[in-house]
Amino acid sequence: MPKIKKETLQILPRLNIHIYKYGNGKNYYCKFYIGVGHANFKSKRFERCLNTQNVNEAKKLAIQHYQNWFREKIDTKRKERDFNFDLAQPYLEYKIRKYKNKTNLKKNDQAQRDKAKWNNQLKPLFENIDYTDLELVENVINNDLLSKLKDEGKSGNTINKNMSLITQIFKRGQARGIVNFIPDTPTQQVIDTPRYPFENQELNLINNKCREEFNKTNKIFNLEAKDFYNLCRSAGFRPGLEPLSLKRKDFEYIKSQKNPDEIFLKFTVWGTKTKPKHHPISNPFFTRNIFPEILNRHHYLKDDDYLLFPYEKNRNSVYQKVSKLFVRFAKELNLFYHKGGTRPLYTLRHTYATELYKKGTSIDDIAQLMNTSPRMVLKVYLGHTDEALVNLAKRIPSKFKIIK
């Protein structure tokens, strides 16, 4: 399928109809959301060639298709909200139009940079979320987005620019009547405050909360959430879609040639942020005592089924649920706020790095296990931990004179 020519894409406000051309094609197409339940539209979107090269005529024809569809199929109800189509793209197109004929090239370029920033960095975090849920939106911004940007080593100034873009998107959405709030974004103090790891004993308390919640509600999701937290803290995944995308076939046991009794659990993650394939290795305790419980929880599944939450189709939605649950439990245990900062789900990655460092693992090995660089390990994950600072203090020369 040819790609859409981005320079031809226009979005009609309120109706959210997309008008565009494909590749080298001459005629315009239109597309709009129609929801589920229509056998010939598995993408949940209506799309038609408009057989015209005139953009104004294309707009009129697209509106006609839209009106005819909803007039003839009055039972059609929109069941999903699309952050990208409803909020982000209309704002970005508006900003590009606003500066299109300006002589200030810096502002003109900024509109294009904002669009690239959204498509490449921010969009995945806001897919499949209900953007009318203030608590959910602020959790994504203040926990997931902030953690992602810090994990990538972004400066405070760059993080602020990303947060400003989100704010501007919501401001225009509010002005258009799509949302009725503008979410709070992290302050500069919060942005500059490092993320501190959990202690193992603290994470064990969160495990206990998962079991207690299961005993109260009998919902298997709480035990599966515990599986997810334990996997992230034991194998250095980026908490999110990396572990949630694992299939039952994406793990294997490997042995040492020198000592066949030693068994290691290796996972295969495809399409990571830094390379096409990565092999996390779990710690021995998880391999022996926890992973068998995960396998036995749904022992009848097939190789192509998901390893975690096998009956949940929407992986982004699952992540939002486990992230929200983790924050709730951490707050109930008075573990979320720590040393002037917060410790959301992503902090499990910091915990993994710190535990390896405590056991004497080299920075290079930690970087390889975590699929990142030694510089990032030092700067993001270990730079502010007590263990790292103690080791730094030990390297201070002990023999020098102080003049009183």
Protein backbone atom coordinates (compact mmCIF):
# COMPACT_ATOMS: atom_id res chain seq x y z
CA MET A 1 0.00 0.00 0.00
CA PRO A 2 1.51 3.37 -0.99
CA LYS A 3 2.07 5.95 1.72
CA ILE A 4 0.00 9.08 2.19
CA LYS A 5 1.65 12.23 0.83
CA LYS A 6 1.92 14.25 4.03
CA GLU A 7 1.93 17.60 2.28
CA THR A 8 -1.54 16.88 0.85
CA LEU A 9 -3.14 15.81 4.15
CA GLN A 10 -5.91 18.08 5.43
CA ILE A 11 -8.25 17.46 8.37
CA LEU A 12 -11.71 19.01 8.42
CA PRO A 13 -12.39 20.31 11.95
CA ARG A 14 -15.33 19.02 14.02
CA LEU A 15 -16.08 16.20 11.57
CA ASN A 16 -12.48 14.90 11.76
CA ILE A 17 -12.45 13.89 8.08
CA HIS A 18 -9.00 13.27 6.58
CA ILE A 19 -8.41 14.28 2.94
CA TYR A 20 -5.16 13.27 1.23
CA LYS A 21 -3.38 11.80 -1.78
CA TYR A 22 -1.41 8.58 -2.01
CA GLY A 23 2.15 8.33 -3.35
CA ASN A 24 2.23 9.47 -6.97
CA GLY A 25 -1.57 9.39 -7.28
CA LYS A 26 -3.38 12.42 -8.64
CA ASN A 27 -6.81 12.01 -7.04
CA TYR A 28 -7.79 12.81 -3.46
CA TYR A 29 -9.06 10.24 -0.95
CA CYS A 30 -11.11 10.74 2.20
CA LYS A 31 -11.21 8.79 5.46
CA PHE A 32 -13.21 9.04 8.70
CA TYR A 33 -13.92 6.89 11.73
CA ILE A 34 -17.05 4.69 11.74
CA GLY A 35 -16.38 2.34 14.66
CA VAL A 36 -16.70 -1.41 14.92
CA GLY A 37 -19.37 -3.76 13.61
CA HIS A 38 -18.98 -3.20 9.85
CA ALA A 39 -17.65 -6.30 8.09
CA ASN A 40 -16.20 -4.50 5.08
CA PHE A 41 -14.35 -1.95 7.19
CA LYS A 42 -12.04 -3.91 9.47
CA SER A 43 -9.89 -0.82 9.98
CA LYS A 44 -12.94 0.84 11.64
CA ARG A 45 -12.62 3.66 9.10
CA PHE A 46 -14.47 4.51 5.92
CA GLU A 47 -12.16 5.31 2.98
CA ARG A 48 -13.00 6.27 -0.59
CA CYS A 49 -11.26 7.69 -3.64
CA LEU A 50 -12.95 11.00 -4.49
CA ASN A 51 -11.93 10.97 -8.17
CA THR A 52 -10.95 14.61 -8.18
CA GLN A 53 -7.69 16.54 -8.14
CA ASN A 54 -9.30 19.73 -6.81
CA VAL A 55 -8.97 20.03 -3.06
CA ASN A 56 -12.08 22.18 -2.59
CA GLU A 57 -14.21 19.74 -4.56
CA ALA A 58 -12.64 16.91 -2.56
CA LYS A 59 -13.76 18.54 0.70
CA LYS A 60 -17.36 18.80 -0.53
CA LEU A 61 -17.42 15.18 -1.71
CA ALA A 62 -15.86 13.97 1.55
CA ILE A 63 -18.54 15.76 3.60
CA GLN A 64 -21.21 14.16 1.41
CA HIS A 65 -19.78 10.68 2.06
CA TYR A 66 -19.70 11.46 5.78
CA GLN A 67 -23.31 12.68 5.87
CA ASN A 68 -24.60 9.80 3.72
CA TRP A 69 -22.89 7.22 5.91
CA PHE A 70 -24.31 8.43 9.20
CA ARG A 71 -27.72 9.17 7.63
CA GLU A 72 -28.06 5.63 6.24
CA LYS A 73 -26.50 3.87 9.23
CA ILE A 74 -28.08 5.67 12.13
CA ASP A 75 -27.08 2.86 14.50
CA THR A 76 -23.40 3.72 14.04
CA LYS A 77 -21.93 4.94 17.29
CA ARG A 78 -18.39 6.02 17.85
CA LYS A 79 -17.01 3.66 20.51
CA GLU A 80 -13.45 4.94 20.68
CA ARG A 81 -11.73 8.27 21.08
CA ASP A 82 -8.62 8.85 19.03
CA PHE A 83 -6.18 11.31 20.63
CA ASN A 84 -4.11 11.59 17.47
CA PHE A 85 -6.98 12.29 15.05
CA ASP A 86 -9.18 14.32 17.42
CA LEU A 87 -6.62 16.50 19.20
CA ALA A 88 -3.02 16.24 18.03
CA GLN A 89 -3.27 16.33 14.23
CA PRO A 90 -5.81 19.20 14.10
CA TYR A 91 -3.53 21.29 16.33
CA LEU A 92 -0.39 20.47 14.34
CA GLU A 93 -2.06 21.22 11.01
CA TYR A 94 -3.36 24.48 12.46
CA LYS A 95 0.13 25.48 13.59
CA ILE A 96 1.65 24.63 10.20
CA ARG A 97 -1.04 26.69 8.44
CA LYS A 98 -0.51 29.55 10.88
CA TYR A 99 3.18 29.90 10.05
CA LYS A 100 3.08 28.73 6.43
CA ASN A 101 3.35 32.20 4.94
CA LYS A 102 5.35 33.81 7.70
CA THR A 103 8.77 35.22 6.91
CA ASN A 104 10.06 34.09 10.32
CA LEU A 105 11.65 30.80 9.26
CA LYS A 106 12.36 29.79 12.86
CA LYS A 107 8.64 29.69 13.68
CA ASN A 108 7.86 27.98 10.38
CA ASP A 109 10.43 25.28 11.12
CA GLN A 110 9.16 24.94 14.69
CA ALA A 111 5.74 23.86 13.45
CA GLN A 112 7.34 21.05 11.42
CA ARG A 113 9.59 20.10 14.35
CA ASP A 114 6.57 19.88 16.64
CA LYS A 115 4.87 17.56 14.18
CA ALA A 116 7.95 15.34 13.99
CA LYS A 117 8.25 15.41 17.78
CA TRP A 118 4.66 14.25 18.14
CA ASN A 119 4.84 11.49 15.52
CA ASN A 120 8.21 10.10 16.62
CA GLN A 121 8.14 10.45 20.41
CA LEU A 122 4.80 11.31 21.95
CA LYS A 123 2.15 9.64 19.81
CA PRO A 124 2.73 6.03 21.02
CA LEU A 125 2.06 7.04 24.63
CA PHE A 126 -1.34 8.56 23.84
CA GLU A 127 -2.75 5.89 21.56
CA ASN A 128 -5.88 4.11 22.75
CA ILE A 129 -6.40 6.28 25.82
CA ASP A 130 -9.59 8.07 26.78
CA TYR A 131 -8.45 11.68 26.51
CA THR A 132 -11.53 12.86 28.45
CA ASP A 133 -10.28 11.06 31.58
CA LEU A 134 -8.26 13.74 33.40
CA GLU A 135 -6.65 11.36 35.89
CA LEU A 136 -5.56 8.97 33.14
CA VAL A 137 -4.14 11.77 30.98
CA GLU A 138 -2.17 13.27 33.87
CA ASN A 139 -0.82 9.84 34.80
CA VAL A 140 0.46 9.37 31.26
CA ILE A 141 2.05 12.83 31.23
CA ASN A 142 3.53 12.92 34.73
CA ASN A 143 4.62 9.28 34.91
CA ASP A 144 5.03 7.61 31.51
CA LEU A 145 6.05 10.57 29.36
CA LEU A 146 8.37 12.05 31.97
CA SER A 147 10.00 8.65 32.56
CA LYS A 148 10.43 8.07 28.83
CA LEU A 149 12.10 11.43 28.26
CA LYS A 150 14.37 11.00 31.28
CA ASP A 151 15.25 7.49 30.13
CA GLU A 152 16.35 8.97 26.80
CA GLY A 153 18.60 11.44 28.62
CA LYS A 154 16.65 14.53 27.49
CA SER A 155 17.59 17.82 29.10
CA GLY A 156 15.20 19.74 31.33
CA ASN A 157 14.70 22.29 28.55
CA THR A 158 13.79 19.58 26.02
CA ILE A 159 11.38 17.94 28.46
CA ASN A 160 9.71 21.31 29.03
CA LYS A 161 9.22 21.75 25.27
CA ASN A 162 7.51 18.37 25.03
CA MET A 163 5.25 19.21 27.94
CA SER A 164 4.43 22.59 26.38
CA LEU A 165 3.39 20.85 23.15
CA ILE A 166 0.95 18.64 25.06
CA THR A 167 -0.46 21.69 26.86
CA GLN A 168 -1.01 23.55 23.57
CA ILE A 169 -2.75 20.52 22.05
CA PHE A 170 -5.21 20.44 24.95
CA LYS A 171 -5.73 24.21 24.90
CA ARG A 172 -6.89 24.07 21.30
CA GLY A 173 -8.95 20.96 22.03
CA GLN A 174 -10.65 22.85 24.83
CA ALA A 175 -11.33 25.84 22.57
CA ARG A 176 -12.94 23.50 20.01
CA GLY A 177 -15.13 21.87 22.66
CA ILE A 178 -13.50 18.42 22.44
CA VAL A 179 -12.14 18.40 26.02
CA ASN A 180 -13.09 20.49 29.04
CA PHE A 181 -9.75 20.60 30.86
CA ILE A 182 -6.06 21.34 30.40
CA PRO A 183 -3.94 18.78 32.29
CA ASP A 184 -1.25 19.72 34.77
CA THR A 185 2.31 19.02 33.60
CA PRO A 186 5.39 18.50 35.79
CA THR A 187 7.02 21.55 37.29
CA GLN A 188 10.68 22.30 36.66
CA GLN A 189 11.51 21.03 40.14
CA VAL A 190 9.86 17.69 39.40
CA ILE A 191 11.60 17.47 36.02
CA ASP A 192 14.99 18.10 37.62
CA THR A 193 14.43 15.67 40.51
CA PRO A 194 16.02 12.27 39.82
CA ARG A 195 14.08 9.02 40.01
CA TYR A 196 15.17 6.88 42.94
CA PRO A 197 14.90 3.07 42.89
CA PHE A 198 12.78 0.90 45.13
CA GLU A 199 14.25 -1.49 47.65
CA ASN A 200 13.39 -5.14 47.10
CA GLN A 201 11.45 -5.21 50.38
CA GLU A 202 9.30 -2.33 49.14
CA LEU A 203 8.44 -4.11 45.91
CA ASN A 204 7.56 -7.22 47.89
CA LEU A 205 4.96 -5.13 49.73
CA ILE A 206 3.45 -4.19 46.36
CA ASN A 207 3.36 -7.89 45.48
CA ASN A 208 1.42 -8.51 48.67
CA LYS A 209 -1.06 -5.76 47.69
CA CYS A 210 -1.66 -7.55 44.39
CA ARG A 211 -2.47 -10.80 46.23
CA GLU A 212 -4.74 -8.99 48.69
CA GLU A 213 -6.61 -7.30 45.83
CA PHE A 214 -7.06 -10.67 44.11
CA ASN A 215 -8.42 -12.21 47.33
CA LYS A 216 -10.94 -9.36 47.59
CA THR A 217 -12.09 -9.21 43.97
CA ASN A 218 -11.16 -12.63 42.58
CA LYS A 219 -9.93 -10.83 39.44
CA ILE A 220 -7.01 -12.66 37.84
CA PHE A 221 -5.75 -9.31 36.48
CA ASN A 222 -4.22 -8.52 39.89
CA LEU A 223 -2.08 -11.67 39.86
CA GLU A 224 -1.09 -11.04 36.24
CA ALA A 225 -0.10 -7.49 37.22
CA LYS A 226 2.16 -8.98 39.89
CA ASP A 227 3.72 -11.19 37.18
CA PHE A 228 4.37 -8.09 35.08
CA TYR A 229 6.01 -6.17 37.93
CA ASN A 230 8.22 -9.13 38.83
CA LEU A 231 9.30 -9.65 35.24
CA CYS A 232 10.28 -5.97 34.88
CA ARG A 233 12.24 -5.88 38.13
CA SER A 234 14.02 -9.14 37.33
CA ALA A 235 15.05 -8.80 33.69
CA GLY A 236 15.67 -5.10 32.95
CA PHE A 237 12.88 -4.52 30.45
CA ARG A 238 11.68 -1.04 29.66
CA PRO A 239 8.36 -1.27 31.54
CA GLY A 240 5.73 -0.96 28.84
CA LEU A 241 5.13 -2.67 25.52
CA GLU A 242 8.46 -4.54 25.51
CA PRO A 243 7.43 -7.15 28.10
CA LEU A 244 3.75 -6.95 27.17
CA SER A 245 4.56 -7.91 23.56
CA LEU A 246 6.29 -11.14 24.58
CA LYS A 247 4.72 -14.32 23.22
CA ARG A 248 4.99 -17.77 24.79
CA LYS A 249 7.55 -18.67 22.13
CA ASP A 250 9.81 -15.72 22.99
CA PHE A 251 11.71 -17.37 25.83
CA GLU A 252 14.09 -20.28 26.21
CA TYR A 253 16.28 -21.88 28.82
CA ILE A 254 20.02 -21.86 28.13
CA LYS A 255 22.75 -23.78 29.93
CA SER A 256 26.38 -23.24 30.74
CA GLN A 257 28.73 -25.61 28.93
CA LYS A 258 31.04 -25.71 31.91
CA ASN A 259 28.24 -26.32 34.40
CA PRO A 260 25.16 -27.95 32.81
CA ASP A 261 23.28 -27.66 36.10
CA GLU A 262 23.21 -23.88 35.70
CA ILE A 263 20.07 -22.84 33.82
CA PHE A 264 19.38 -19.31 32.60
CA LEU A 265 16.15 -17.82 31.29
CA LYS A 266 16.56 -15.80 28.07
CA PHE A 267 13.87 -13.70 26.41
CA THR A 268 13.76 -12.31 22.87
CA VAL A 269 12.35 -8.81 22.36
CA TRP A 270 11.82 -7.64 18.80
CA GLY A 271 12.02 -4.08 17.47
CA THR A 272 13.40 -2.33 20.54
CA LYS A 273 14.21 1.37 20.70
CA THR A 274 17.92 0.80 20.12
CA LYS A 275 18.18 -2.35 18.01
CA PRO A 276 16.01 -4.84 16.12
CA LYS A 277 16.47 -7.68 18.63
CA HIS A 278 17.43 -7.80 22.30
CA HIS A 279 17.89 -10.71 24.74
CA PRO A 280 17.08 -9.84 28.36
CA ILE A 281 18.18 -12.45 30.91
CA SER A 282 16.31 -12.81 34.19
CA ASN A 283 17.90 -13.26 37.58
CA PRO A 284 18.15 -16.83 38.94
CA PHE A 285 15.56 -16.42 41.70
CA PHE A 286 12.92 -15.30 39.18
CA THR A 287 13.85 -18.17 36.87
CA ARG A 288 13.50 -20.83 39.58
CA ASN A 289 10.66 -19.54 41.72
CA ILE A 290 8.48 -17.05 39.86
CA PHE A 291 8.52 -17.84 36.15
CA PRO A 292 7.06 -21.37 36.58
CA GLU A 293 4.08 -19.76 38.32
CA ILE A 294 3.60 -17.43 35.32
CA LEU A 295 3.67 -20.37 32.89
CA ASN A 296 1.27 -22.46 34.97
CA ARG A 297 -1.23 -19.64 35.36
CA HIS A 298 -2.39 -20.28 31.77
CA HIS A 299 -0.67 -23.57 30.99
CA TYR A 300 -2.95 -24.47 28.05
CA LEU A 301 -1.96 -21.52 25.84
CA LYS A 302 -0.17 -21.80 22.50
CA ASP A 303 3.21 -20.45 21.41
CA ASP A 304 1.70 -17.44 19.61
CA ASP A 305 -0.34 -16.36 22.63
CA TYR A 306 0.87 -13.50 24.81
CA LEU A 307 2.99 -14.52 27.79
CA LEU A 308 1.33 -11.94 30.07
CA PHE A 309 -2.37 -10.98 30.07
CA PRO A 310 -3.09 -13.43 27.21
CA TYR A 311 -6.78 -12.50 26.95
CA GLU A 312 -6.24 -8.76 26.73
CA LYS A 313 -6.01 -7.67 23.09
CA ASN A 314 -5.22 -3.98 23.56
CA ARG A 315 -1.64 -3.89 24.85
CA ASN A 316 -1.60 -0.12 25.35
CA SER A 317 -4.72 -0.34 27.47
CA VAL A 318 -3.16 -3.11 29.56
CA TYR A 319 -0.12 -0.97 30.23
CA GLN A 320 -2.27 1.95 31.37
CA LYS A 321 -4.11 -0.36 33.77
CA VAL A 322 -1.00 -1.92 35.33
CA SER A 323 0.68 1.48 35.59
CA LYS A 324 -2.31 3.00 37.34
CA LEU A 325 -2.58 -0.01 39.68
CA PHE A 326 1.11 0.22 40.57
CA VAL A 327 0.84 3.91 41.43
CA ARG A 328 -2.26 3.29 43.55
CA PHE A 329 -0.58 0.52 45.55
CA ALA A 330 2.62 2.55 45.95
CA LYS A 331 0.62 5.51 47.28
CA GLU A 332 -1.36 3.32 49.68
CA LEU A 333 1.94 2.00 51.06
CA ASN A 334 3.48 5.50 51.25
CA LEU A 335 6.16 4.47 48.75
CA PHE A 336 5.28 6.65 45.78
CA TYR A 337 6.71 9.99 46.96
CA HIS A 338 10.39 9.74 47.81
CA LYS A 339 13.14 12.33 48.37
CA GLY A 340 11.19 15.12 46.73
CA GLY A 341 10.26 13.07 43.67
CA THR A 342 7.93 10.27 42.62
CA ARG A 343 8.43 6.59 41.84
CA PRO A 344 6.02 5.42 39.11
CA LEU A 345 6.11 2.04 37.38
CA TYR A 346 9.09 2.96 35.19
CA THR A 347 11.22 3.17 38.34
CA LEU A 348 11.44 -0.64 38.22
CA ARG A 349 14.11 -0.17 35.56
CA HIS A 350 16.11 1.98 37.97
CA THR A 351 15.70 -0.73 40.62
CA TYR A 352 17.05 -3.39 38.27
CA ALA A 353 20.17 -1.35 37.47
CA THR A 354 20.80 -0.54 41.13
CA GLU A 355 20.49 -4.17 42.27
CA LEU A 356 22.99 -5.31 39.63
CA TYR A 357 25.38 -2.54 40.64
CA LYS A 358 25.13 -3.52 44.31
CA LYS A 359 26.15 -7.06 43.39
CA GLY A 360 29.27 -5.83 41.62
CA THR A 361 28.11 -6.02 37.99
CA SER A 362 30.15 -3.74 35.76
CA ILE A 363 28.62 -0.68 34.11
CA ASP A 364 29.26 -2.15 30.66
CA ASP A 365 27.47 -5.39 31.56
CA ILE A 366 24.53 -3.52 33.07
CA ALA A 367 24.25 -1.45 29.88
CA GLN A 368 24.25 -4.59 27.73
CA LEU A 369 21.62 -6.31 29.87
CA MET A 370 19.41 -3.20 29.83
CA ASN A 371 19.86 -2.52 26.11
CA THR A 372 21.26 0.95 26.65
CA SER A 373 24.64 2.71 26.81
CA PRO A 374 27.10 2.89 29.74
CA ARG A 375 26.72 6.67 29.69
CA MET A 376 22.95 6.36 30.17
CA VAL A 377 23.39 3.84 32.99
CA LEU A 378 25.60 6.28 34.86
CA LYS A 379 23.62 9.41 34.05
CA VAL A 380 20.03 8.19 34.38
CA TYR A 381 19.92 5.03 36.49
CA LEU A 382 22.84 5.14 38.91
CA GLY A 383 24.02 8.75 39.08
CA HIS A 384 21.98 9.65 42.17
CA THR A 385 21.78 6.33 44.02
CA ASP A 386 23.39 6.06 47.45
CA GLU A 387 25.39 3.03 46.34
CA ALA A 388 26.95 4.90 43.42
CA LEU A 389 27.73 7.93 45.57
CA VAL A 390 29.37 5.74 48.23
CA ASN A 391 31.58 4.12 45.60
CA LEU A 392 32.43 7.57 44.28
CA ALA A 393 33.35 8.69 47.79
CA LYS A 394 35.65 5.67 48.18
CA ARG A 395 37.65 6.89 45.19
CA ILE A 396 38.43 10.20 46.88
CA PRO A 397 42.15 10.19 47.81
CA SER A 398 42.51 9.58 51.53
CA LYS A 399 45.99 10.98 51.91
CA PHE A 400 45.96 14.73 51.60
CA LYS A 401 46.54 17.44 54.13
CA ILE A 402 43.95 19.90 55.34
CA ILE A 403 45.33 23.17 56.65
CA LYS A 404 43.41 24.24 59.74
